[in-house]
Amino acid sequence: MYRIEIDRSLCSGFGSCAELASRSFVLGPDGIAAVHEAQTDDDAVLEAAASCPMGAIAVYDERGQRAA
């Protein structure tokens, strides 16, 4: 299980997170990413976090350690 956090002040709205893990991320009306599903077992969130050019996404594993 993963826990997701987004630093919205860093997000520039590229949208790769929403494309790669649409269950967990959505672009809001302001064009900035938001967490749609804060906890998930979908490994796609790791790739989505790695694809963020701004480094705005942090993913933590069930032990609370940063996974991405």
PDB file of N, CA and C in Angstrom:
ATOM      1  N   MET A   1       0.847  -1.177   0.000  1.00  0.00           N
ATOM      2  CA  MET A   1       0.000   0.000   0.000  1.00  0.00           C
ATOM      3  C   MET A   1       0.894   1.242   0.000  1.00  0.00           C
ATOM      4  N   TYR A   2       0.538   2.208  -0.799  1.00  0.00           N
ATOM      5  CA  TYR A   2       1.295   3.453  -0.903  1.00  0.00           C
ATOM      6  C   TYR A   2       0.436   4.632  -0.459  1.00  0.00           C
ATOM      7  N   ARG A   3       1.101   5.615   0.141  1.00  0.00           N
ATOM      8  CA  ARG A   3       0.458   6.879   0.506  1.00  0.00           C
ATOM      9  C   ARG A   3       1.079   7.963  -0.363  1.00  0.00           C
ATOM     10  N   ILE A   4       0.247   8.802  -0.945  1.00  0.00           N
ATOM     11  CA  ILE A   4       0.696   9.799  -1.914  1.00  0.00           C
ATOM     12  C   ILE A   4       0.525  11.199  -1.352  1.00  0.00           C
ATOM     13  N   GLU A   5       1.528  12.036  -1.596  1.00  0.00           N
ATOM     14  CA  GLU A   5       1.441  13.459  -1.255  1.00  0.00           C
ATOM     15  C   GLU A   5       1.910  14.267  -2.453  1.00  0.00           C
ATOM     16  N   ILE A   6       1.253  15.383  -2.715  1.00  0.00           N
ATOM     17  CA  ILE A   6       1.667  16.299  -3.773  1.00  0.00           C
ATOM     18  C   ILE A   6       1.933  17.653  -3.155  1.00  0.00           C
ATOM     19  N   ASP A   7       3.075  18.228  -3.485  1.00  0.00           N
ATOM     20  CA  ASP A   7       3.361  19.610  -3.107  1.00  0.00           C
ATOM     21  C   ASP A   7       2.833  20.473  -4.257  1.00  0.00           C
ATOM     22  N   ARG A   8       1.609  20.942  -4.103  1.00  0.00           N
ATOM     23  CA  ARG A   8       0.951  21.679  -5.177  1.00  0.00           C
ATOM     24  C   ARG A   8       1.671  22.975  -5.525  1.00  0.00           C
ATOM     25  N   SER A   9       2.483  23.492  -4.615  1.00  0.00           N
ATOM     26  CA  SER A   9       3.229  24.711  -4.923  1.00  0.00           C
ATOM     27  C   SER A   9       4.353  24.442  -5.928  1.00  0.00           C
ATOM     28  N   LEU A  10       4.755  23.181  -6.066  1.00  0.00           N
ATOM     29  CA  LEU A  10       5.790  22.807  -7.037  1.00  0.00           C
ATOM     30  C   LEU A  10       5.209  22.375  -8.383  1.00  0.00           C
ATOM     31  N   CYS A  11       3.960  21.951  -8.394  1.00  0.00           N
ATOM     32  CA  CYS A  11       3.342  21.390  -9.601  1.00  0.00           C
ATOM     33  C   CYS A  11       3.168  22.467 -10.672  1.00  0.00           C
ATOM     34  N   SER A  12       3.539  22.098 -11.904  1.00  0.00           N
ATOM     35  CA  SER A  12       3.356  22.999 -13.046  1.00  0.00           C
ATOM     36  C   SER A  12       2.294  22.496 -14.014  1.00  0.00           C
ATOM     37  N   GLY A  13       1.629  21.389 -13.676  1.00  0.00           N
ATOM     38  CA  GLY A  13       0.513  20.906 -14.470  1.00  0.00           C
ATOM     39  C   GLY A  13       0.888  20.159 -15.738  1.00  0.00           C
ATOM     40  N   PHE A  14       2.042  19.512 -15.767  1.00  0.00           N
ATOM     41  CA  PHE A  14       2.424  18.737 -16.952  1.00  0.00           C
ATOM     42  C   PHE A  14       1.442  17.603 -17.211  1.00  0.00           C
ATOM     43  N   GLY A  15       0.904  16.988 -16.163  1.00  0.00           N
ATOM     44  CA  GLY A  15      -0.136  15.982 -16.293  1.00  0.00           C
ATOM     45  C   GLY A  15       0.322  14.559 -16.499  1.00  0.00           C
ATOM     46  N   SER A  16       1.630  14.311 -16.483  1.00  0.00           N
ATOM     47  CA  SER A  16       2.103  12.940 -16.681  1.00  0.00           C
ATOM     48  C   SER A  16       1.623  12.024 -15.560  1.00  0.00           C
ATOM     49  N   CYS A  17       1.475  12.537 -14.361  1.00  0.00           N
ATOM     50  CA  CYS A  17       0.990  11.713 -13.246  1.00  0.00           C
ATOM     51  C   CYS A  17      -0.432  11.225 -13.508  1.00  0.00           C
ATOM     52  N   ALA A  18      -1.289  12.112 -13.992  1.00  0.00           N
ATOM     53  CA  ALA A  18      -2.678  11.750 -14.273  1.00  0.00           C
ATOM     54  C   ALA A  18      -2.774  10.768 -15.437  1.00  0.00           C
ATOM     55  N   GLU A  19      -1.863  10.876 -16.384  1.00  0.00           N
ATOM     56  CA  GLU A  19      -1.851   9.937 -17.508  1.00  0.00           C
ATOM     57  C   GLU A  19      -1.396   8.554 -17.071  1.00  0.00           C
ATOM     58  N   LEU A  20      -0.403   8.486 -16.203  1.00  0.00           N
ATOM     59  CA  LEU A  20       0.176   7.206 -15.799  1.00  0.00           C
ATOM     60  C   LEU A  20      -0.587   6.514 -14.677  1.00  0.00           C
ATOM     61  N   ALA A  21      -1.224   7.266 -13.819  1.00  0.00           N
ATOM     62  CA  ALA A  21      -1.939   6.682 -12.672  1.00  0.00           C
ATOM     63  C   ALA A  21      -3.244   7.454 -12.441  1.00  0.00           C
ATOM     64  N   SER A  22      -4.164   7.305 -13.373  1.00  0.00           N
ATOM     65  CA  SER A  22      -5.401   8.097 -13.348  1.00  0.00           C
ATOM     66  C   SER A  22      -6.309   7.783 -12.161  1.00  0.00           C
ATOM     67  N   ARG A  23      -6.145   6.625 -11.527  1.00  0.00           N
ATOM     68  CA  ARG A  23      -6.940   6.334 -10.322  1.00  0.00           C
ATOM     69  C   ARG A  23      -6.513   7.206  -9.152  1.00  0.00           C
ATOM     70  N   SER A  24      -5.245   7.614  -9.147  1.00  0.00           N
ATOM     71  CA  SER A  24      -4.695   8.315  -7.991  1.00  0.00           C
ATOM     72  C   SER A  24      -4.509   9.808  -8.190  1.00  0.00           C
ATOM     73  N   PHE A  25      -4.349  10.245  -9.449  1.00  0.00           N
ATOM     74  CA  PHE A  25      -4.081  11.658  -9.716  1.00  0.00           C
ATOM     75  C   PHE A  25      -5.096  12.225 -10.691  1.00  0.00           C
ATOM     76  N   VAL A  26      -5.395  13.492 -10.508  1.00  0.00           N
ATOM     77  CA  VAL A  26      -6.288  14.211 -11.413  1.00  0.00           C
ATOM     78  C   VAL A  26      -5.760  15.638 -11.530  1.00  0.00           C
ATOM     79  N   LEU A  27      -5.931  16.234 -12.699  1.00  0.00           N
ATOM     80  CA  LEU A  27      -5.616  17.652 -12.841  1.00  0.00           C
ATOM     81  C   LEU A  27      -6.871  18.433 -12.503  1.00  0.00           C
ATOM     82  N   GLY A  28      -6.733  19.374 -11.594  1.00  0.00           N
ATOM     83  CA  GLY A  28      -7.872  20.176 -11.180  1.00  0.00           C
ATOM     84  C   GLY A  28      -8.199  21.240 -12.211  1.00  0.00           C
ATOM     85  N   PRO A  29      -9.260  21.977 -11.997  1.00  0.00           N
ATOM     86  CA  PRO A  29      -9.653  23.043 -12.916  1.00  0.00           C
ATOM     87  C   PRO A  29      -8.588  24.123 -13.059  1.00  0.00           C
ATOM     88  N   ASP A  30      -7.713  24.216 -12.078  1.00  0.00           N
ATOM     89  CA  ASP A  30      -6.620  25.184 -12.123  1.00  0.00           C
ATOM     90  C   ASP A  30      -5.407  24.638 -12.888  1.00  0.00           C
ATOM     91  N   GLY A  31      -5.505  23.375 -13.374  1.00  0.00           N
ATOM     92  CA  GLY A  31      -4.412  22.771 -14.122  1.00  0.00           C
ATOM     93  C   GLY A  31      -3.333  22.160 -13.256  1.00  0.00           C
ATOM     94  N   ILE A  32      -3.532  22.170 -11.960  1.00  0.00           N
ATOM     95  CA  ILE A  32      -2.553  21.641 -11.010  1.00  0.00           C
ATOM     96  C   ILE A  32      -3.011  20.260 -10.542  1.00  0.00           C
ATOM     97  N   ALA A  33      -2.054  19.355 -10.390  1.00  0.00           N
ATOM     98  CA  ALA A  33      -2.370  17.984  -9.976  1.00  0.00           C
ATOM     99  C   ALA A  33      -2.897  17.951  -8.550  1.00  0.00           C
ATOM    100  N   ALA A  34      -3.815  17.019  -8.347  1.00  0.00           N
ATOM    101  CA  ALA A  34      -4.374  16.775  -7.020  1.00  0.00           C
ATOM    102  C   ALA A  34      -4.441  15.267  -6.821  1.00  0.00           C
ATOM    103  N   VAL A  35      -4.401  14.863  -5.570  1.00  0.00           N
ATOM    104  CA  VAL A  35      -4.524  13.444  -5.251  1.00  0.00           C
ATOM    105  C   VAL A  35      -6.000  13.084  -5.289  1.00  0.00           C
ATOM    106  N   HIS A  36      -6.333  12.107  -6.109  1.00  0.00           N
ATOM    107  CA  HIS A  36      -7.704  11.629  -6.204  1.00  0.00           C
ATOM    108  C   HIS A  36      -7.917  10.443  -5.264  1.00  0.00           C
ATOM    109  N   GLU A  37      -6.887   9.628  -5.118  1.00  0.00           N
ATOM    110  CA  GLU A  37      -6.918   8.447  -4.258  1.00  0.00           C
ATOM    111  C   GLU A  37      -5.616   8.453  -3.458  1.00  0.00           C
ATOM    112  N   ALA A  38      -5.674   8.905  -2.211  1.00  0.00           N
ATOM    113  CA  ALA A  38      -4.469   9.143  -1.412  1.00  0.00           C
ATOM    114  C   ALA A  38      -3.730   7.876  -1.006  1.00  0.00           C
ATOM    115  N   GLN A  39      -4.434   6.752  -0.950  1.00  0.00           N
ATOM    116  CA  GLN A  39      -3.794   5.479  -0.637  1.00  0.00           C
ATOM    117  C   GLN A  39      -4.163   4.476  -1.711  1.00  0.00           C
ATOM    118  N   THR A  40      -3.156   3.744  -2.191  1.00  0.00           N
ATOM    119  CA  THR A  40      -3.387   2.793  -3.266  1.00  0.00           C
ATOM    120  C   THR A  40      -2.351   1.687  -3.231  1.00  0.00           C
ATOM    121  N   ASP A  41      -2.674   0.588  -3.876  1.00  0.00           N
ATOM    122  CA  ASP A  41      -1.701  -0.486  -4.053  1.00  0.00           C
ATOM    123  C   ASP A  41      -1.222  -0.541  -5.501  1.00  0.00           C
ATOM    124  N   ASP A  42      -1.582   0.466  -6.283  1.00  0.00           N
ATOM    125  CA  ASP A  42      -1.228   0.545  -7.696  1.00  0.00           C
ATOM    126  C   ASP A  42       0.229   0.995  -7.854  1.00  0.00           C
ATOM    127  N   ASP A  43       1.071   0.095  -8.382  1.00  0.00           N
ATOM    128  CA  ASP A  43       2.490   0.426  -8.584  1.00  0.00           C
ATOM    129  C   ASP A  43       2.701   1.547  -9.591  1.00  0.00           C
ATOM    130  N   ALA A  44       1.681   1.881 -10.370  1.00  0.00           N
ATOM    131  CA  ALA A  44       1.801   2.957 -11.352  1.00  0.00           C
ATOM    132  C   ALA A  44       2.110   4.298 -10.689  1.00  0.00           C
ATOM    133  N   VAL A  45       1.780   4.448  -9.410  1.00  0.00           N
ATOM    134  CA  VAL A  45       2.067   5.716  -8.730  1.00  0.00           C
ATOM    135  C   VAL A  45       3.570   5.951  -8.600  1.00  0.00           C
ATOM    136  N   LEU A  46       4.350   4.878  -8.567  1.00  0.00           N
ATOM    137  CA  LEU A  46       5.804   5.030  -8.490  1.00  0.00           C
ATOM    138  C   LEU A  46       6.343   5.623  -9.785  1.00  0.00           C
ATOM    139  N   GLU A  47       5.863   5.121 -10.914  1.00  0.00           N
ATOM    140  CA  GLU A  47       6.282   5.657 -12.208  1.00  0.00           C
ATOM    141  C   GLU A  47       5.774   7.086 -12.382  1.00  0.00           C
ATOM    142  N   ALA A  48       4.550   7.337 -11.926  1.00  0.00           N
ATOM    143  CA  ALA A  48       3.990   8.681 -12.026  1.00  0.00           C
ATOM    144  C   ALA A  48       4.824   9.681 -11.230  1.00  0.00           C
ATOM    145  N   ALA A  49       5.228   9.308 -10.026  1.00  0.00           N
ATOM    146  CA  ALA A  49       6.060  10.196  -9.205  1.00  0.00           C
ATOM    147  C   ALA A  49       7.413  10.426  -9.866  1.00  0.00           C
ATOM    148  N   ALA A  50       7.992   9.367 -10.422  1.00  0.00           N
ATOM    149  CA  ALA A  50       9.297   9.494 -11.079  1.00  0.00           C
ATOM    150  C   ALA A  50       9.212  10.356 -12.341  1.00  0.00           C
ATOM    151  N   SER A  51       8.041  10.390 -12.971  1.00  0.00           N
ATOM    152  CA  SER A  51       7.891  11.152 -14.209  1.00  0.00           C
ATOM    153  C   SER A  51       7.638  12.638 -13.973  1.00  0.00           C
ATOM    154  N   CYS A  52       7.376  13.021 -12.741  1.00  0.00           N
ATOM    155  CA  CYS A  52       7.082  14.429 -12.451  1.00  0.00           C
ATOM    156  C   CYS A  52       8.345  15.272 -12.613  1.00  0.00           C
ATOM    157  N   PRO A  53       8.360  16.159 -13.605  1.00  0.00           N
ATOM    158  CA  PRO A  53       9.573  16.949 -13.835  1.00  0.00           C
ATOM    159  C   PRO A  53       9.864  17.962 -12.723  1.00  0.00           C
ATOM    160  N   MET A  54       8.867  18.253 -11.917  1.00  0.00           N
ATOM    161  CA  MET A  54       9.049  19.234 -10.844  1.00  0.00           C
ATOM    162  C   MET A  54       9.362  18.573  -9.499  1.00  0.00           C
ATOM    163  N   GLY A  55       9.279  17.250  -9.426  1.00  0.00           N
ATOM    164  CA  GLY A  55       9.525  16.562  -8.162  1.00  0.00           C
ATOM    165  C   GLY A  55       8.474  16.869  -7.113  1.00  0.00           C
ATOM    166  N   ALA A  56       7.249  17.106  -7.567  1.00  0.00           N
ATOM    167  CA  ALA A  56       6.177  17.527  -6.660  1.00  0.00           C
ATOM    168  C   ALA A  56       5.479  16.366  -5.960  1.00  0.00           C
ATOM    169  N   ILE A  57       5.745  15.127  -6.397  1.00  0.00           N
ATOM    170  CA  ILE A  57       5.024  13.973  -5.865  1.00  0.00           C
ATOM    171  C   ILE A  57       5.930  13.131  -4.981  1.00  0.00           C
ATOM    172  N   ALA A  58       5.443  12.797  -3.801  1.00  0.00           N
ATOM    173  CA  ALA A  58       6.143  11.884  -2.901  1.00  0.00           C
ATOM    174  C   ALA A  58       5.229  10.693  -2.647  1.00  0.00           C
ATOM    175  N   VAL A  59       5.806   9.496  -2.736  1.00  0.00           N
ATOM    176  CA  VAL A  59       5.066   8.268  -2.479  1.00  0.00           C
ATOM    177  C   VAL A  59       5.768   7.540  -1.343  1.00  0.00           C
ATOM    178  N   TYR A  60       4.998   7.142  -0.341  1.00  0.00           N
ATOM    179  CA  TYR A  60       5.542   6.462   0.832  1.00  0.00           C
ATOM    180  C   TYR A  60       4.977   5.051   0.922  1.00  0.00           C
ATOM    181  N   ASP A  61       5.807   4.110   1.341  1.00  0.00           N
ATOM    182  CA  ASP A  61       5.343   2.733   1.515  1.00  0.00           C
ATOM    183  C   ASP A  61       4.645   2.590   2.864  1.00  0.00           C
ATOM    184  N   GLU A  62       4.189   1.393   3.158  1.00  0.00           N
ATOM    185  CA  GLU A  62       3.410   1.173   4.391  1.00  0.00           C
ATOM    186  C   GLU A  62       4.223   1.358   5.670  1.00  0.00           C
ATOM    187  N   ARG A  63       5.550   1.371   5.561  1.00  0.00           N
ATOM    188  CA  ARG A  63       6.400   1.631   6.730  1.00  0.00           C
ATOM    189  C   ARG A  63       6.675   3.123   6.897  1.00  0.00           C
ATOM    190  N   GLY A  64       6.170   3.927   5.960  1.00  0.00           N
ATOM    191  CA  GLY A  64       6.378   5.367   6.017  1.00  0.00           C
ATOM    192  C   GLY A  64       7.667   5.813   5.362  1.00  0.00           C
ATOM    193  N   GLN A  65       8.349   4.893   4.686  1.00  0.00           N
ATOM    194  CA  GLN A  65       9.580   5.245   3.986  1.00  0.00           C
ATOM    195  C   GLN A  65       9.258   5.695   2.580  1.00  0.00           C
ATOM    196  N   ARG A  66      10.007   6.679   2.115  1.00  0.00           N
ATOM    197  CA  ARG A  66       9.761   7.194   0.772  1.00  0.00           C
ATOM    198  C   ARG A  66      10.099   6.135  -0.261  1.00  0.00           C
ATOM    199  N   ALA A  67       9.135   5.814  -1.110  1.00  0.00           N
ATOM    200  CA  ALA A  67       9.305   4.806  -2.152  1.00  0.00           C
ATOM    201  C   ALA A  67       9.584   5.455  -3.504  1.00  0.00           C
ATOM    202  N   ALA A  68       9.180   6.716  -3.664  1.00  0.00           N
ATOM    203  CA  ALA A  68       9.424   7.465  -4.901  1.00  0.00           C
ATOM    204  C   ALA A  68       9.319   8.942  -4.603  1.00  0.00           C
TER     205      ALA A  68
END
